[in-house]
N, C-alpha and C. Protein backbone atom coordinates (compact mmCIF):
# COMPACT_ATOMS: atom_id res chain seq x y z
N MET A 1 -16.76 4.36 9.97
CA MET A 1 -15.37 4.00 9.71
C MET A 1 -15.24 3.60 8.24
N PRO A 2 -14.21 4.10 7.57
CA PRO A 2 -14.03 3.73 6.16
C PRO A 2 -13.72 2.24 6.02
N GLN A 3 -13.98 1.72 4.84
CA GLN A 3 -13.71 0.31 4.57
C GLN A 3 -12.77 0.18 3.38
N ILE A 4 -12.04 -0.92 3.37
CA ILE A 4 -11.13 -1.25 2.28
C ILE A 4 -11.30 -2.73 1.96
N ILE A 5 -10.64 -3.16 0.90
CA ILE A 5 -10.51 -4.59 0.62
C ILE A 5 -9.15 -5.02 1.14
N LYS A 6 -9.16 -6.04 1.99
CA LYS A 6 -7.90 -6.57 2.53
C LYS A 6 -8.02 -8.08 2.60
N ASN A 7 -7.02 -8.75 2.07
CA ASN A 7 -7.00 -10.22 2.04
C ASN A 7 -8.31 -10.77 1.47
N ARG A 8 -8.75 -10.13 0.39
CA ARG A 8 -9.93 -10.56 -0.38
C ARG A 8 -11.24 -10.50 0.41
N ALA A 9 -11.32 -9.55 1.32
CA ALA A 9 -12.55 -9.32 2.09
C ALA A 9 -12.71 -7.83 2.34
N ILE A 10 -13.92 -7.39 2.53
CA ILE A 10 -14.18 -5.99 2.88
C ILE A 10 -14.07 -5.87 4.39
N VAL A 11 -13.20 -4.98 4.84
CA VAL A 11 -12.95 -4.81 6.28
C VAL A 11 -12.95 -3.33 6.64
N ASP A 12 -13.18 -3.04 7.93
CA ASP A 12 -13.04 -1.67 8.41
C ASP A 12 -11.57 -1.29 8.40
N ASP A 13 -11.30 -0.04 8.11
CA ASP A 13 -9.93 0.45 8.04
C ASP A 13 -9.70 1.47 9.14
N ASN A 14 -8.86 1.13 10.11
CA ASN A 14 -8.60 2.05 11.21
C ASN A 14 -7.31 2.84 11.04
N TRP A 15 -6.68 2.73 9.88
CA TRP A 15 -5.45 3.48 9.61
C TRP A 15 -5.79 4.92 9.25
N ILE A 16 -4.97 5.84 9.73
CA ILE A 16 -5.13 7.26 9.44
C ILE A 16 -4.00 7.67 8.51
N HIS A 17 -4.36 8.30 7.38
CA HIS A 17 -3.33 8.86 6.50
C HIS A 17 -2.94 10.23 7.02
N VAL A 18 -1.69 10.41 7.34
CA VAL A 18 -1.19 11.72 7.75
C VAL A 18 -0.70 12.40 6.49
N ASP A 19 -1.43 13.43 6.09
CA ASP A 19 -1.10 14.16 4.87
C ASP A 19 -0.79 15.59 5.19
N ALA A 20 0.20 16.14 4.53
CA ALA A 20 0.50 17.55 4.70
C ALA A 20 -0.69 18.39 4.27
N ASP A 21 -1.45 17.91 3.27
CA ASP A 21 -2.60 18.67 2.78
C ASP A 21 -3.62 18.91 3.89
N ALA A 22 -3.76 17.94 4.79
CA ALA A 22 -4.76 18.05 5.84
C ALA A 22 -4.45 19.18 6.80
N SER A 23 -3.18 19.51 6.96
CA SER A 23 -2.81 20.57 7.89
C SER A 23 -2.38 21.85 7.17
N ASP A 24 -2.49 21.86 5.84
CA ASP A 24 -2.10 23.02 5.03
C ASP A 24 -0.64 23.41 5.23
N LEU A 25 0.19 22.42 5.51
CA LEU A 25 1.61 22.66 5.68
C LEU A 25 2.38 21.83 4.68
N PRO A 26 3.55 22.29 4.26
CA PRO A 26 4.36 21.46 3.36
C PRO A 26 4.77 20.16 4.05
N GLU A 27 4.96 19.12 3.25
CA GLU A 27 5.36 17.83 3.80
C GLU A 27 6.61 17.99 4.65
N GLY A 28 6.60 17.36 5.81
CA GLY A 28 7.75 17.43 6.70
C GLY A 28 7.69 18.60 7.67
N ASP A 29 6.72 19.50 7.51
CA ASP A 29 6.61 20.67 8.38
C ASP A 29 5.44 20.57 9.35
N ILE A 30 4.94 19.38 9.60
CA ILE A 30 3.87 19.21 10.57
C ILE A 30 4.48 19.46 11.94
N PRO A 31 3.92 20.40 12.71
CA PRO A 31 4.52 20.73 14.01
C PRO A 31 4.62 19.53 14.94
N GLU A 32 5.63 19.53 15.79
CA GLU A 32 5.81 18.44 16.75
C GLU A 32 4.56 18.32 17.60
N GLY A 33 4.14 17.10 17.83
CA GLY A 33 2.94 16.86 18.61
C GLY A 33 1.68 16.83 17.77
N ASP A 34 1.74 17.23 16.51
CA ASP A 34 0.56 17.23 15.64
C ASP A 34 0.40 15.93 14.88
N ILE A 35 1.26 14.98 15.12
CA ILE A 35 1.11 13.67 14.50
C ILE A 35 0.13 12.89 15.38
N PRO A 36 -0.96 12.42 14.81
CA PRO A 36 -1.99 11.76 15.64
C PRO A 36 -1.51 10.43 16.21
N GLU A 37 -2.15 10.04 17.30
CA GLU A 37 -1.90 8.73 17.90
C GLU A 37 -2.66 7.68 17.08
N GLY A 38 -2.42 6.43 17.36
CA GLY A 38 -3.09 5.36 16.64
C GLY A 38 -2.24 4.86 15.49
N ASP A 39 -2.88 4.13 14.60
CA ASP A 39 -2.21 3.54 13.45
C ASP A 39 -2.19 4.57 12.32
N ILE A 40 -0.99 4.94 11.89
CA ILE A 40 -0.88 6.00 10.87
C ILE A 40 -0.02 5.55 9.69
N ILE A 41 -0.34 6.13 8.53
CA ILE A 41 0.45 5.96 7.31
C ILE A 41 0.96 7.34 6.95
N VAL A 42 2.28 7.49 6.89
CA VAL A 42 2.89 8.80 6.63
C VAL A 42 3.58 8.80 5.27
N PRO A 43 3.66 9.96 4.63
CA PRO A 43 4.43 10.06 3.38
C PRO A 43 5.93 9.85 3.67
N LEU A 44 6.63 9.39 2.66
CA LEU A 44 8.06 9.12 2.81
C LEU A 44 8.82 10.32 3.35
N GLY A 45 8.51 11.52 2.87
CA GLY A 45 9.22 12.72 3.33
C GLY A 45 9.07 12.95 4.82
N LEU A 46 7.89 12.70 5.35
CA LEU A 46 7.68 12.86 6.78
C LEU A 46 8.45 11.80 7.56
N TRP A 47 8.47 10.58 7.05
CA TRP A 47 9.26 9.51 7.67
C TRP A 47 10.73 9.92 7.71
N GLN A 48 11.25 10.42 6.63
CA GLN A 48 12.65 10.79 6.57
C GLN A 48 12.97 11.96 7.50
N ASP A 49 12.05 12.92 7.62
CA ASP A 49 12.28 14.10 8.45
C ASP A 49 12.08 13.84 9.94
N ARG A 50 11.15 12.95 10.28
CA ARG A 50 10.74 12.79 11.68
C ARG A 50 10.84 11.35 12.16
N ARG A 51 11.78 10.61 11.62
CA ARG A 51 11.93 9.18 11.91
C ARG A 51 11.92 8.87 13.40
N SER A 52 12.77 9.53 14.18
CA SER A 52 12.88 9.20 15.61
C SER A 52 11.58 9.50 16.35
N GLU A 53 10.93 10.60 16.03
CA GLU A 53 9.65 10.92 16.67
C GLU A 53 8.58 9.89 16.32
N LEU A 54 8.54 9.46 15.07
CA LEU A 54 7.55 8.47 14.65
C LEU A 54 7.78 7.12 15.32
N LEU A 55 9.03 6.76 15.52
CA LEU A 55 9.35 5.48 16.16
C LEU A 55 9.02 5.47 17.65
N GLU A 56 9.00 6.63 18.29
CA GLU A 56 8.74 6.71 19.72
C GLU A 56 7.25 6.72 20.07
N ARG A 57 6.40 7.00 19.13
CA ARG A 57 4.97 7.12 19.41
C ARG A 57 4.33 5.74 19.53
N SER A 58 3.13 5.72 20.12
CA SER A 58 2.40 4.46 20.22
C SER A 58 1.58 4.28 18.95
N GLY A 59 1.19 3.08 18.66
CA GLY A 59 0.44 2.79 17.44
C GLY A 59 1.34 2.24 16.36
N ARG A 60 0.69 1.58 15.42
CA ARG A 60 1.45 1.00 14.31
C ARG A 60 1.78 2.08 13.29
N LEU A 61 2.76 1.78 12.45
CA LEU A 61 3.27 2.76 11.50
C LEU A 61 3.30 2.19 10.08
N GLY A 62 2.90 3.01 9.15
CA GLY A 62 2.99 2.68 7.73
C GLY A 62 3.62 3.84 6.99
N VAL A 63 4.10 3.56 5.80
CA VAL A 63 4.71 4.60 4.97
C VAL A 63 4.05 4.56 3.60
N ARG A 64 3.91 5.74 2.98
CA ARG A 64 3.30 5.83 1.65
C ARG A 64 4.34 6.36 0.67
N LEU A 65 4.46 5.65 -0.46
CA LEU A 65 5.43 6.02 -1.49
C LEU A 65 4.70 6.52 -2.73
N ALA A 66 5.19 7.61 -3.28
CA ALA A 66 4.70 8.14 -4.54
C ALA A 66 5.27 7.28 -5.67
N PRO A 67 4.69 7.35 -6.86
CA PRO A 67 5.16 6.50 -7.96
C PRO A 67 6.64 6.66 -8.30
N ASP A 68 7.20 7.84 -8.07
CA ASP A 68 8.61 8.05 -8.40
C ASP A 68 9.55 7.71 -7.25
N GLN A 69 9.03 7.14 -6.16
CA GLN A 69 9.85 6.77 -5.01
C GLN A 69 10.03 5.25 -4.98
N GLN A 70 11.26 4.82 -5.12
CA GLN A 70 11.60 3.40 -5.21
C GLN A 70 11.55 2.73 -3.83
N PRO A 71 11.20 1.45 -3.77
CA PRO A 71 11.24 0.71 -2.50
C PRO A 71 12.62 0.69 -1.86
N SER A 72 13.66 0.86 -2.64
CA SER A 72 15.01 0.88 -2.08
C SER A 72 15.18 2.00 -1.05
N LEU A 73 14.36 3.05 -1.14
CA LEU A 73 14.45 4.17 -0.20
C LEU A 73 14.04 3.78 1.22
N ILE A 74 13.30 2.69 1.36
CA ILE A 74 12.86 2.25 2.69
C ILE A 74 13.36 0.85 3.04
N ALA A 75 14.18 0.28 2.20
CA ALA A 75 14.62 -1.11 2.36
C ALA A 75 15.22 -1.38 3.74
N ASP A 76 16.02 -0.47 4.25
CA ASP A 76 16.66 -0.68 5.54
C ASP A 76 15.71 -0.47 6.72
N ASP A 77 14.54 0.10 6.47
CA ASP A 77 13.59 0.42 7.53
C ASP A 77 12.34 -0.45 7.51
N LEU A 78 12.27 -1.44 6.67
CA LEU A 78 11.05 -2.22 6.50
C LEU A 78 10.54 -2.84 7.79
N SER A 79 11.41 -3.16 8.71
CA SER A 79 10.98 -3.78 9.97
C SER A 79 10.13 -2.83 10.81
N HIS A 80 10.16 -1.55 10.52
CA HIS A 80 9.38 -0.56 11.28
C HIS A 80 7.97 -0.40 10.74
N PHE A 81 7.69 -0.91 9.55
CA PHE A 81 6.41 -0.64 8.89
C PHE A 81 5.49 -1.85 8.88
N ASP A 82 4.27 -1.64 9.34
CA ASP A 82 3.23 -2.66 9.24
C ASP A 82 2.52 -2.58 7.90
N VAL A 83 2.59 -1.41 7.27
CA VAL A 83 1.97 -1.17 5.96
C VAL A 83 2.93 -0.38 5.09
N VAL A 84 3.04 -0.80 3.84
CA VAL A 84 3.68 0.03 2.82
C VAL A 84 2.59 0.30 1.78
N ALA A 85 2.26 1.58 1.62
CA ALA A 85 1.20 1.98 0.67
C ALA A 85 1.85 2.61 -0.55
N PHE A 86 1.37 2.22 -1.71
CA PHE A 86 1.85 2.79 -2.97
C PHE A 86 0.73 3.59 -3.60
N GLU A 87 1.06 4.79 -4.02
CA GLU A 87 0.08 5.69 -4.62
C GLU A 87 -0.11 5.38 -6.11
N PHE A 88 -1.36 5.40 -6.52
CA PHE A 88 -1.75 5.33 -7.92
C PHE A 88 -2.46 6.65 -8.24
N PRO A 89 -1.70 7.65 -8.71
CA PRO A 89 -2.33 8.96 -8.93
C PRO A 89 -3.29 8.97 -10.12
N ALA A 90 -3.11 8.07 -11.05
CA ALA A 90 -3.97 7.99 -12.23
C ALA A 90 -3.98 6.54 -12.71
N PHE A 91 -5.06 6.17 -13.36
CA PHE A 91 -5.23 4.81 -13.85
C PHE A 91 -4.05 4.38 -14.72
N LYS A 92 -3.53 5.29 -15.51
CA LYS A 92 -2.48 4.94 -16.48
C LYS A 92 -1.08 4.86 -15.87
N ASP A 93 -0.92 5.23 -14.60
CA ASP A 93 0.40 5.20 -13.97
C ASP A 93 0.57 3.88 -13.23
N GLY A 94 1.34 2.97 -13.79
CA GLY A 94 1.47 1.64 -13.23
C GLY A 94 2.80 1.34 -12.57
N ARG A 95 3.58 2.36 -12.27
CA ARG A 95 4.90 2.11 -11.67
C ARG A 95 4.81 1.34 -10.36
N ALA A 96 3.74 1.55 -9.60
CA ALA A 96 3.61 0.89 -8.30
C ALA A 96 3.44 -0.62 -8.43
N PHE A 97 2.99 -1.12 -9.58
CA PHE A 97 2.93 -2.57 -9.79
C PHE A 97 4.34 -3.15 -9.63
N SER A 98 5.30 -2.55 -10.31
CA SER A 98 6.69 -3.02 -10.23
C SER A 98 7.26 -2.82 -8.84
N HIS A 99 6.94 -1.68 -8.22
CA HIS A 99 7.46 -1.41 -6.88
C HIS A 99 6.98 -2.46 -5.87
N ALA A 100 5.72 -2.85 -5.97
CA ALA A 100 5.18 -3.85 -5.04
C ALA A 100 5.89 -5.20 -5.24
N ARG A 101 6.10 -5.54 -6.47
CA ARG A 101 6.76 -6.82 -6.74
C ARG A 101 8.20 -6.83 -6.22
N VAL A 102 8.90 -5.71 -6.41
CA VAL A 102 10.26 -5.59 -5.89
C VAL A 102 10.25 -5.69 -4.36
N LEU A 103 9.31 -5.02 -3.75
CA LEU A 103 9.21 -5.04 -2.29
C LEU A 103 9.03 -6.46 -1.77
N ARG A 104 8.17 -7.23 -2.41
CA ARG A 104 7.91 -8.62 -1.98
C ARG A 104 9.07 -9.55 -2.34
N GLU A 105 9.53 -9.49 -3.58
CA GLU A 105 10.49 -10.48 -4.06
C GLU A 105 11.94 -10.16 -3.72
N ARG A 106 12.35 -8.92 -3.89
CA ARG A 106 13.75 -8.57 -3.62
C ARG A 106 14.00 -8.35 -2.14
N TYR A 107 13.05 -7.65 -1.48
CA TYR A 107 13.26 -7.29 -0.08
C TYR A 107 12.54 -8.21 0.90
N GLY A 108 11.73 -9.13 0.40
CA GLY A 108 11.08 -10.12 1.25
C GLY A 108 10.08 -9.54 2.24
N TYR A 109 9.48 -8.42 1.91
CA TYR A 109 8.54 -7.77 2.84
C TYR A 109 7.29 -8.63 3.01
N LYS A 110 6.92 -8.90 4.26
CA LYS A 110 5.78 -9.77 4.58
C LYS A 110 4.57 -8.99 5.09
N GLY A 111 4.72 -7.70 5.36
CA GLY A 111 3.60 -6.92 5.88
C GLY A 111 2.59 -6.58 4.79
N GLU A 112 1.64 -5.72 5.15
CA GLU A 112 0.59 -5.31 4.22
C GLU A 112 1.14 -4.39 3.15
N VAL A 113 0.80 -4.69 1.90
CA VAL A 113 1.13 -3.81 0.78
C VAL A 113 -0.20 -3.29 0.25
N ARG A 114 -0.38 -1.98 0.34
CA ARG A 114 -1.67 -1.36 0.07
C ARG A 114 -1.61 -0.45 -1.16
N ALA A 115 -2.64 -0.53 -1.98
CA ALA A 115 -2.81 0.37 -3.13
C ALA A 115 -3.74 1.50 -2.72
N VAL A 116 -3.32 2.74 -2.96
CA VAL A 116 -4.14 3.90 -2.63
C VAL A 116 -4.21 4.84 -3.83
N GLY A 117 -5.27 5.58 -3.92
CA GLY A 117 -5.42 6.55 -5.00
C GLY A 117 -6.46 6.10 -6.01
N ASP A 118 -6.09 6.14 -7.28
CA ASP A 118 -7.01 5.79 -8.36
C ASP A 118 -7.00 4.27 -8.55
N VAL A 119 -7.54 3.57 -7.56
CA VAL A 119 -7.57 2.10 -7.58
C VAL A 119 -8.93 1.66 -8.13
N ALA A 120 -8.89 0.97 -9.24
CA ALA A 120 -10.11 0.54 -9.92
C ALA A 120 -10.19 -0.98 -9.99
N ARG A 121 -11.39 -1.48 -10.15
CA ARG A 121 -11.64 -2.92 -10.22
C ARG A 121 -10.77 -3.59 -11.29
N ASP A 122 -10.60 -2.93 -12.42
CA ASP A 122 -9.83 -3.50 -13.54
C ASP A 122 -8.40 -3.86 -13.16
N GLN A 123 -7.86 -3.22 -12.14
CA GLN A 123 -6.46 -3.42 -11.78
C GLN A 123 -6.25 -4.40 -10.63
N ILE A 124 -7.26 -4.64 -9.84
CA ILE A 124 -7.08 -5.35 -8.57
C ILE A 124 -6.53 -6.76 -8.74
N PHE A 125 -7.01 -7.53 -9.69
CA PHE A 125 -6.49 -8.88 -9.89
C PHE A 125 -4.98 -8.83 -10.18
N PHE A 126 -4.57 -7.90 -11.03
CA PHE A 126 -3.16 -7.78 -11.41
C PHE A 126 -2.33 -7.23 -10.26
N MET A 127 -2.92 -6.34 -9.46
CA MET A 127 -2.22 -5.84 -8.27
C MET A 127 -1.92 -7.00 -7.32
N ALA A 128 -2.88 -7.88 -7.14
CA ALA A 128 -2.67 -9.03 -6.26
C ALA A 128 -1.53 -9.90 -6.77
N ARG A 129 -1.43 -10.07 -8.07
CA ARG A 129 -0.35 -10.87 -8.64
C ARG A 129 1.01 -10.24 -8.35
N CYS A 130 1.04 -8.92 -8.19
CA CYS A 130 2.29 -8.21 -7.93
C CYS A 130 2.63 -8.10 -6.45
N GLY A 131 1.73 -8.53 -5.58
CA GLY A 131 2.04 -8.53 -4.16
C GLY A 131 1.15 -7.65 -3.30
N PHE A 132 0.22 -6.93 -3.88
CA PHE A 132 -0.71 -6.13 -3.08
C PHE A 132 -1.69 -7.06 -2.36
N ASP A 133 -2.04 -6.72 -1.14
CA ASP A 133 -3.06 -7.47 -0.42
C ASP A 133 -4.11 -6.58 0.22
N ALA A 134 -4.02 -5.27 0.00
CA ALA A 134 -5.02 -4.32 0.52
C ALA A 134 -5.23 -3.22 -0.52
N TYR A 135 -6.48 -2.76 -0.60
CA TYR A 135 -6.85 -1.83 -1.67
C TYR A 135 -7.83 -0.78 -1.14
N GLU A 136 -7.44 0.48 -1.24
CA GLU A 136 -8.36 1.58 -0.97
C GLU A 136 -8.97 1.96 -2.31
N VAL A 137 -10.13 1.42 -2.58
CA VAL A 137 -10.79 1.64 -3.86
C VAL A 137 -11.20 3.10 -3.98
N LYS A 138 -11.05 3.64 -5.16
CA LYS A 138 -11.35 5.05 -5.41
C LYS A 138 -12.78 5.37 -4.97
N GLU A 139 -12.93 6.52 -4.33
CA GLU A 139 -14.23 6.96 -3.84
C GLU A 139 -15.26 6.96 -4.97
N GLY A 140 -16.45 6.51 -4.64
CA GLY A 140 -17.52 6.45 -5.63
C GLY A 140 -17.62 5.11 -6.33
N ARG A 141 -16.66 4.23 -6.09
CA ARG A 141 -16.70 2.91 -6.70
C ARG A 141 -17.13 1.88 -5.66
N SER A 142 -17.80 0.86 -6.09
CA SER A 142 -18.36 -0.15 -5.20
C SER A 142 -17.28 -1.14 -4.73
N LEU A 143 -17.16 -1.28 -3.42
CA LEU A 143 -16.24 -2.28 -2.88
C LEU A 143 -16.70 -3.69 -3.23
N GLU A 144 -17.99 -3.91 -3.20
CA GLU A 144 -18.53 -5.24 -3.51
C GLU A 144 -18.20 -5.63 -4.95
N ASP A 145 -18.35 -4.67 -5.88
CA ASP A 145 -18.01 -4.94 -7.27
C ASP A 145 -16.50 -5.15 -7.42
N ALA A 146 -15.71 -4.32 -6.76
CA ALA A 146 -14.25 -4.45 -6.84
C ALA A 146 -13.78 -5.80 -6.31
N LEU A 147 -14.44 -6.29 -5.30
CA LEU A 147 -14.08 -7.59 -4.72
C LEU A 147 -14.23 -8.72 -5.73
N LYS A 148 -15.14 -8.57 -6.67
CA LYS A 148 -15.35 -9.59 -7.69
C LYS A 148 -14.17 -9.70 -8.66
N ALA A 149 -13.27 -8.74 -8.64
CA ALA A 149 -12.11 -8.77 -9.53
C ALA A 149 -11.25 -10.02 -9.33
N PHE A 150 -11.27 -10.54 -8.12
CA PHE A 150 -10.46 -11.73 -7.84
C PHE A 150 -10.99 -12.97 -8.56
N GLU A 151 -12.21 -12.89 -9.07
CA GLU A 151 -12.82 -14.00 -9.79
C GLU A 151 -12.71 -13.85 -11.31
N ASP A 152 -12.08 -12.78 -11.77
CA ASP A 152 -12.01 -12.51 -13.20
C ASP A 152 -11.25 -13.57 -13.98
N PHE A 153 -10.24 -14.14 -13.38
CA PHE A 153 -9.42 -15.16 -14.04
C PHE A 153 -9.28 -16.35 -13.11
N SER A 154 -9.42 -17.54 -13.65
CA SER A 154 -9.32 -18.73 -12.81
C SER A 154 -7.93 -19.38 -12.88
N VAL A 155 -7.16 -19.03 -13.89
CA VAL A 155 -5.84 -19.63 -14.09
C VAL A 155 -4.85 -18.54 -14.46
N THR A 156 -3.65 -18.64 -13.89
CA THR A 156 -2.55 -17.76 -14.29
C THR A 156 -1.40 -18.64 -14.74
N TYR A 157 -0.71 -18.23 -15.75
CA TYR A 157 0.38 -19.04 -16.29
C TYR A 157 1.75 -18.61 -15.79
N GLN A 158 1.94 -17.31 -15.65
CA GLN A 158 3.25 -16.80 -15.29
C GLN A 158 3.46 -16.82 -13.78
N PRO A 159 4.70 -17.06 -13.37
CA PRO A 159 5.01 -16.90 -11.95
C PRO A 159 4.94 -15.41 -11.60
N ALA A 160 4.56 -15.11 -10.36
CA ALA A 160 4.46 -13.72 -9.91
C ALA A 160 4.64 -13.70 -8.40
N ALA A 161 4.47 -12.54 -7.80
CA ALA A 161 4.66 -12.40 -6.36
C ALA A 161 3.67 -13.24 -5.57
N ASP A 162 2.48 -13.48 -6.12
CA ASP A 162 1.47 -14.26 -5.39
C ASP A 162 1.68 -15.76 -5.51
N ASP A 163 2.42 -16.21 -6.51
CA ASP A 163 2.76 -17.63 -6.68
C ASP A 163 3.95 -17.71 -7.62
N SER A 164 5.09 -18.05 -7.08
CA SER A 164 6.33 -18.04 -7.87
C SER A 164 6.51 -19.26 -8.76
N ARG A 165 5.58 -20.21 -8.68
CA ARG A 165 5.71 -21.42 -9.50
C ARG A 165 5.06 -21.20 -10.87
N PRO A 166 5.72 -21.65 -11.93
CA PRO A 166 5.06 -21.59 -13.24
C PRO A 166 3.88 -22.56 -13.27
N PHE A 167 2.97 -22.36 -14.19
CA PHE A 167 1.74 -23.13 -14.25
C PHE A 167 1.97 -24.63 -14.27
N PHE A 168 2.97 -25.09 -15.05
CA PHE A 168 3.18 -26.53 -15.20
C PHE A 168 3.63 -27.20 -13.90
N LEU A 169 4.09 -26.45 -12.91
CA LEU A 169 4.50 -27.04 -11.63
C LEU A 169 3.40 -27.03 -10.58
N ARG A 170 2.27 -26.40 -10.90
CA ARG A 170 1.13 -26.37 -9.96
C ARG A 170 0.25 -27.59 -10.18
N SER A 171 -0.31 -28.10 -9.10
CA SER A 171 -1.16 -29.28 -9.24
C SER A 171 -2.59 -28.92 -9.56
């Protein structure tokens, strides 16, 4: 079973990513009945195309947003998702940092916010500050080493999604 970092620990990951690539079909064209049972994370397009079918199935549901897809696109549906995953297609693409913060602060989302894709140790501490609590570290990178990212800084000065109080108000 694959593993991820979640809530600052290495845990088994039982979520299945439903990708159009896996079935060689364009997004949204996965035949009826081909959506697996269990806990799944689907791309936004599949959620939009097959919403009622996805809501009727058993298992928990998550949605995955590409960097150019704003959290506002799922704001009215957040109660249906146990996971919101944001894609990091490349190290230099940081739009999902802002999206996670908006999801937590503007929309009050309390479920799991997961980073997927090119997730590197260098980013994890800052992702946590923006509201991420789960990380699918890029293949080939050590989860144990990535976990140490939470120890990189002992003090933060600015308020953020992980602590909205400025430094001078913390004890």
